[in-house]
Amino acid sequence: SVNPDRIEGQKTASFEVVENLGFAPDFHVMPVGNAGNYSAYFKGYLEEFNEGIIKEVPKLWGFQAEGSAPFVAGHPIENPETIATAIRIGNPASWDLALSAQDCSYGEFGAVSDAEILWMHRFLSNEVGVFVEPSSATGAAGLFKNSKLGKVPHDAKIVVTVTGHGLKDVGWALKDEEGNEVSPTSCSKDAAEVAELLGLEKN
């Protein structure tokens, strides 16, 4: 987040979003720690806007864990604490850049609880088939929270960044929502047995 080359590299993800969708989303939602990603996405979208490729810069929504939410608090957090280890950052390196990006994109920073993060962590795996680390579920958890608050227009075009694979932090994949250890289900490599355990039916 303090390396300008990192920002220049990551901004190209905004180019990819526009190229693949054919337009800029209304909202781009992401987890935030140091906020280098937030700053980089904004820089990319702004360049696309200045070149006339997109009509508007998306509103950027960055979400932090409640125990580590300096942007929401408005000041550094001395002892940040959250199960979302990748964003457990009390004094973000990209503070000024991120606040500027927030202001220029009419964006916002929000916070979600560890319980909300873990719920989304499981939802993405079970319902969407996307296995992420808890930190990466933070943005999606924030979007869900804002949706329940009525802040998401029904016709909005939204991109959610989930940045880290679940194998980066497998510990919570082997725990329930209360943090208790669970035992993985074991089976043979027989396809029929695996399908039965997964509740799949043959067409």
Protein backbone atom coordinates (compact mmCIF):
# COMPACT_ATOMS: atom_id res chain seq x y z
CA SER A 1 0.00 0.00 0.00
CA VAL A 2 2.98 2.36 0.37
CA ASN A 3 4.53 1.25 -2.93
CA PRO A 4 3.27 3.44 -5.80
CA ASP A 5 3.99 0.63 -8.25
CA ARG A 6 1.48 -1.53 -6.37
CA ILE A 7 -1.23 1.12 -6.86
CA GLU A 8 -0.36 1.44 -10.55
CA GLY A 9 -0.56 -2.31 -10.97
CA GLN A 10 -3.76 -2.87 -9.04
CA LYS A 11 -5.60 -0.03 -10.77
CA THR A 12 -5.68 -2.19 -13.90
CA ALA A 13 -8.27 -4.38 -12.18
CA SER A 14 -10.69 -1.48 -12.75
CA PHE A 15 -9.84 -1.64 -16.45
CA GLU A 16 -10.68 -5.35 -16.43
CA VAL A 17 -14.03 -4.73 -14.73
CA VAL A 18 -15.03 -2.19 -17.37
CA GLU A 19 -13.71 -4.33 -20.21
CA ASN A 20 -15.61 -7.42 -19.07
CA LEU A 21 -18.88 -5.69 -18.20
CA GLY A 22 -18.83 -3.15 -21.00
CA PHE A 23 -19.60 -0.41 -18.47
CA ALA A 24 -18.70 0.77 -14.99
CA PRO A 25 -20.75 -0.61 -12.09
CA ASP A 26 -22.79 1.69 -9.90
CA PHE A 27 -21.03 0.37 -6.80
CA HIS A 28 -17.73 -1.40 -6.27
CA VAL A 29 -17.55 -3.08 -2.87
CA MET A 30 -14.42 -4.45 -1.21
CA PRO A 31 -12.75 -5.33 2.10
CA VAL A 32 -10.38 -2.67 3.41
CA GLY A 33 -7.27 -2.93 5.55
CA ASN A 34 -4.50 -0.61 4.43
CA ALA A 35 -6.88 0.60 1.70
CA GLY A 36 -4.35 0.31 -1.11
CA ASN A 37 -6.98 -1.62 -3.05
CA TYR A 38 -9.58 1.11 -2.49
CA SER A 39 -7.17 3.78 -3.69
CA ALA A 40 -6.06 1.72 -6.68
CA TYR A 41 -9.54 0.88 -7.92
CA PHE A 42 -10.48 4.55 -7.72
CA LYS A 43 -7.38 5.58 -9.68
CA GLY A 44 -8.22 3.11 -12.41
CA TYR A 45 -11.84 4.17 -12.69
CA LEU A 46 -10.87 7.85 -12.67
CA GLU A 47 -8.49 7.31 -15.57
CA GLU A 48 -11.23 5.51 -17.50
CA PHE A 49 -13.59 8.40 -16.77
CA ASN A 50 -11.08 11.05 -17.85
CA GLU A 51 -10.52 9.20 -21.11
CA GLY A 52 -14.25 9.10 -21.80
CA ILE A 53 -14.48 5.32 -21.55
CA ILE A 54 -17.01 5.40 -18.69
CA LYS A 55 -19.66 7.99 -17.87
CA GLU A 56 -19.32 7.91 -14.08
CA VAL A 57 -16.89 6.68 -11.47
CA PRO A 58 -18.52 3.96 -9.33
CA LYS A 59 -19.29 4.65 -5.70
CA LEU A 60 -16.65 2.78 -3.73
CA TRP A 61 -17.79 1.01 -0.58
CA GLY A 62 -14.99 -0.23 1.64
CA PHE A 63 -15.76 -2.39 4.66
CA GLN A 64 -13.66 -3.06 7.72
CA ALA A 65 -14.11 -5.35 10.69
CA GLU A 66 -15.69 -3.59 13.67
CA GLY A 67 -12.68 -4.30 15.86
CA SER A 68 -10.33 -2.83 13.28
CA ALA A 69 -12.14 0.05 11.63
CA PRO A 70 -10.00 3.20 11.72
CA PHE A 71 -11.70 4.76 8.69
CA VAL A 72 -15.08 4.39 10.36
CA ALA A 73 -13.78 5.68 13.69
CA GLY A 74 -11.96 8.56 12.03
CA HIS A 75 -8.68 7.83 13.81
CA PRO A 76 -6.10 5.04 14.12
CA ILE A 77 -6.99 2.04 16.29
CA GLU A 78 -4.20 1.26 18.74
CA ASN A 79 -4.99 -2.43 19.30
CA PRO A 80 -7.11 -3.69 16.40
CA GLU A 81 -8.76 -7.06 16.94
CA THR A 82 -10.71 -9.22 14.51
CA ILE A 83 -10.70 -12.74 13.12
CA ALA A 84 -10.18 -11.14 9.69
CA THR A 85 -6.40 -11.15 10.02
CA ALA A 86 -5.56 -9.76 6.57
CA ILE A 87 -7.38 -6.50 7.36
CA ARG A 88 -6.42 -6.28 11.04
CA ILE A 89 -4.77 -2.91 10.51
CA GLY A 90 -5.19 -0.04 12.93
CA ASN A 91 -3.27 2.66 11.07
CA PRO A 92 -3.74 2.30 7.30
CA ALA A 93 -0.82 3.14 5.06
CA SER A 94 -3.06 4.61 2.35
CA TRP A 95 -5.07 6.81 4.72
CA ASP A 96 -4.94 10.09 2.77
CA LEU A 97 -5.30 8.48 -0.66
CA ALA A 98 -8.27 6.43 0.48
CA LEU A 99 -10.10 9.37 2.04
CA SER A 100 -9.60 11.33 -1.16
CA ALA A 101 -10.95 8.40 -3.19
CA GLN A 102 -13.94 8.11 -0.87
CA ASP A 103 -14.74 11.80 -1.25
CA CYS A 104 -14.32 11.89 -5.03
CA SER A 105 -16.36 8.72 -5.64
CA TYR A 106 -19.11 9.65 -3.17
CA GLY A 107 -18.18 6.39 -1.50
CA GLU A 108 -18.25 5.24 2.09
CA PHE A 109 -16.47 3.18 4.66
CA GLY A 110 -18.44 0.86 6.89
CA ALA A 111 -17.87 -1.86 9.46
CA VAL A 112 -19.22 -5.34 10.02
CA SER A 113 -18.91 -7.65 13.01
CA ASP A 114 -16.86 -10.83 13.08
CA ALA A 115 -20.14 -12.75 13.27
CA GLU A 116 -21.33 -11.10 10.06
CA ILE A 117 -18.02 -11.86 8.39
CA LEU A 118 -18.17 -15.53 9.37
CA TRP A 119 -21.78 -15.82 8.22
CA MET A 120 -20.85 -14.45 4.80
CA HIS A 121 -17.72 -16.62 4.73
CA ARG A 122 -19.98 -19.68 4.97
CA PHE A 123 -22.66 -18.29 2.68
CA LEU A 124 -20.18 -17.72 -0.14
CA SER A 125 -18.90 -21.28 0.21
CA ASN A 126 -22.25 -23.00 0.60
CA GLU A 127 -24.45 -20.99 -1.75
CA VAL A 128 -22.11 -19.44 -4.29
CA GLY A 129 -19.28 -21.97 -4.41
CA VAL A 130 -16.60 -19.35 -3.69
CA PHE A 131 -14.15 -20.31 -0.93
CA VAL A 132 -12.52 -17.20 0.52
CA GLU A 133 -10.64 -16.33 3.67
CA PRO A 134 -12.74 -14.48 6.29
CA SER A 135 -11.09 -11.14 5.48
CA SER A 136 -12.25 -11.41 1.89
CA ALA A 137 -15.84 -12.02 2.95
CA THR A 138 -15.91 -8.62 4.64
CA GLY A 139 -16.90 -6.64 1.57
CA ALA A 140 -19.75 -9.00 0.71
CA ALA A 141 -20.89 -8.92 4.35
CA GLY A 142 -20.96 -5.14 4.18
CA LEU A 143 -23.00 -5.16 0.99
CA PHE A 144 -25.50 -7.54 2.59
CA LYS A 145 -25.71 -5.25 5.63
CA ASN A 146 -26.28 -2.16 3.49
CA SER A 147 -28.90 -4.01 1.48
CA LYS A 148 -30.84 -4.82 4.65
CA LEU A 149 -30.62 -1.12 5.54
CA GLY A 150 -32.22 -0.21 2.22
CA LYS A 151 -29.12 1.50 0.87
CA VAL A 152 -28.83 -0.61 -2.30
CA PRO A 153 -31.11 0.32 -5.23
CA HIS A 154 -32.87 -2.74 -6.65
CA ASP A 155 -31.50 -2.12 -10.15
CA ALA A 156 -27.93 -1.26 -9.13
CA LYS A 157 -25.01 -2.82 -10.97
CA ILE A 158 -22.56 -3.99 -8.31
CA VAL A 159 -19.09 -5.52 -8.33
CA VAL A 160 -17.80 -7.15 -5.15
CA THR A 161 -14.10 -7.89 -4.80
CA VAL A 162 -13.20 -11.03 -2.86
CA THR A 163 -9.44 -11.00 -2.81
CA GLY A 164 -8.06 -13.94 -0.85
CA HIS A 165 -8.58 -17.67 -1.36
CA GLY A 166 -9.85 -19.69 1.59
CA LEU A 167 -6.67 -21.75 1.72
CA LYS A 168 -4.87 -18.66 3.07
CA ASP A 169 -6.78 -19.06 6.34
CA VAL A 170 -8.31 -22.53 6.63
CA GLY A 171 -8.79 -22.40 10.39
CA TRP A 172 -12.27 -20.87 10.25
CA ALA A 173 -13.39 -23.31 7.59
CA LEU A 174 -13.00 -26.00 10.27
CA LYS A 175 -15.00 -24.13 12.92
CA ASP A 176 -18.67 -23.37 13.39
CA GLU A 177 -20.04 -19.84 13.79
CA GLU A 178 -19.31 -19.93 17.53
CA GLY A 179 -15.68 -20.81 16.90
CA ASN A 180 -16.00 -24.45 17.98
CA GLU A 181 -13.94 -27.04 16.14
CA VAL A 182 -15.78 -29.26 13.67
CA SER A 183 -14.65 -32.55 12.20
CA PRO A 184 -14.40 -32.72 8.41
CA THR A 185 -16.52 -35.36 6.72
CA SER A 186 -14.42 -38.17 5.31
CA CYS A 187 -15.29 -40.48 2.45
CA SER A 188 -13.68 -42.58 -0.22
CA LYS A 189 -12.82 -41.24 -3.66
CA ASP A 190 -15.80 -43.08 -5.13
CA ALA A 191 -17.81 -40.56 -7.17
CA ALA A 192 -21.18 -42.01 -6.20
CA GLU A 193 -20.36 -41.82 -2.49
CA VAL A 194 -19.14 -38.25 -2.80
CA ALA A 195 -22.28 -37.27 -4.71
CA GLU A 196 -24.48 -38.86 -2.06
CA LEU A 197 -22.71 -37.00 0.75
CA LEU A 198 -23.15 -33.74 -1.15
CA GLY A 199 -26.83 -34.42 -1.71
CA LEU A 200 -26.44 -34.50 -5.48
CA GLU A 201 -28.88 -36.36 -7.70
CA LYS A 202 -28.19 -37.99 -11.03
CA ASN A 203 -30.14 -36.47 -13.92
